[in-house]
């Protein structure tokens, strides 16, 4: 039986939004973040709390703007007014006949205390809807001067277009917002809480879900609403059932999600770059030009992917300056990385092959992807625990970038994790393995050799006289494996440890939380 889905995370954002809406004077706010990140859910939760702590409901009008034409926009807005029962506040819904009528209706709605929420507001930067912000400007200026109790909130999922609408000095709405908020993916502390509540406390399952969904709340909710998964004891069978129910079956909620997201958000040239990066896992600018010779200009599209959509990360080589031409690009959005690398081809195969056969073949590909995702999970968890003041190793910075060959250095060198504390001159070197059994004598010897090689480079020499720590990371360690490694002076940290640091079990509790007999991951 599934547990009820609650409003998770977003405590800071919720508190800030409540503070703005409780001031009883008009506000104009902007909330940004990628699709499915929870912008609308945040608004709904805020309105729910406000309704509970007052004697009457807070009137609100939520409208998802269609990416089409003024006529369709007008119809959608007019129908939303009728459905909310607010037509009397605008002198009748019949007065809303065009874009000017929409803007004119927002004025009296806000004056009467209504909070108007316009979702997907970035479409007002496109084609036939470009004139709407100018029409809205007069209403915003009048409302700001009269300061009634209502408000206007615009939600947007494309950063560049929202910037053009609200931050460009020549834009009609420039300088008029009273607050701006950006929603990032869920923190790992929230993810651990959701896993604990919805039957994925086992670290192997938590890692699988993180690899597939990242920190996107909507995707986690689909998992939480899937009955029966927590009754499956073994990780491979659990993962097969998860992927079948979430992605592969004809009624799976995310079967079309990846394609829909890509087609809705991306220009064809941008989509070609993203697919190339997913196929090759990493590419320099020169390698992309070679792979896509028909695309003569890549710079604007890469900027859109890295800065605006935040789907791709630009990594700099460790042993080079910040303006190195050797920078490479990788898909950083976990859901799209999983979709393009594993799920998309499986969904296509499931149309002509038995689903059970497709999901069986998917398992080894997902294992490989999880290995890369786990390294990122450890880096993110370490930073988050440090910010919260709960880390066993409080860091002031960590090494970023990818490992290239140092000048006059060894042919190969790679260390999964390097972080340091400048105040007490401590540096932690870490090795990440998806399976704790892979922390064997051979891999440990290679790890120490790589650390010695790094300390011999110009980049690493500053740490030679510091206190060195050597940490091994895996999703989980058995009590026996942890004892074996710690006896040899290795530090062992797994997802159970980070869960305790980030607000799960009390940090004072000793030992390792192992998978229960009912739920077995992989050791």
Foldseek 3Di string as FASTA:
>chain_A
DFDDDDDFDPPVVLVVVLVVLVPQWEFEEEEEAAPLQCPVVSVVVSQVVVCVVDPHGQAEFEFEADLDAFQVRLVRRLVSCVVSVNQVQQVGSVQRGTLLSSLSSVLSCQQVRYAYEYEQVLSCVDDRNVCNQLSNLVSLVVRVVVTGSYYYYYYHYWFVSVCVQEPPPPHSNHPRGPYYYYRDFDAVLRLCVLCVNQQNNALQSSLLCCLAAPRRVVLSVLVSPDPDLNQAAEDLVSQLVSCCQQAADPPHPCVCVLVVSDVVPDDPVLSVLQLVCLVVQKAAPVRSCVVCVVDPDCVVSVCSCCPTNNQKHWFDEQQDDPPDSRIMIGGDRSNNSCCSQARVVLNVVSVPDPSSVSSNVRVVSSVVSSQVSVLVVVVSLQQVLLVVVLHPANFPFWGTGFYCAHVVADHDADFSTWTHHPVQLEIETEDEDQALVVPDPVVVVNSVVNLVRQCPGPSNVVNPPGHYAYEYEYQFDDQVSCVVVVVVVHHYDHPQQSNCSSPDPPNPDDDGDHDDSSHDYHD
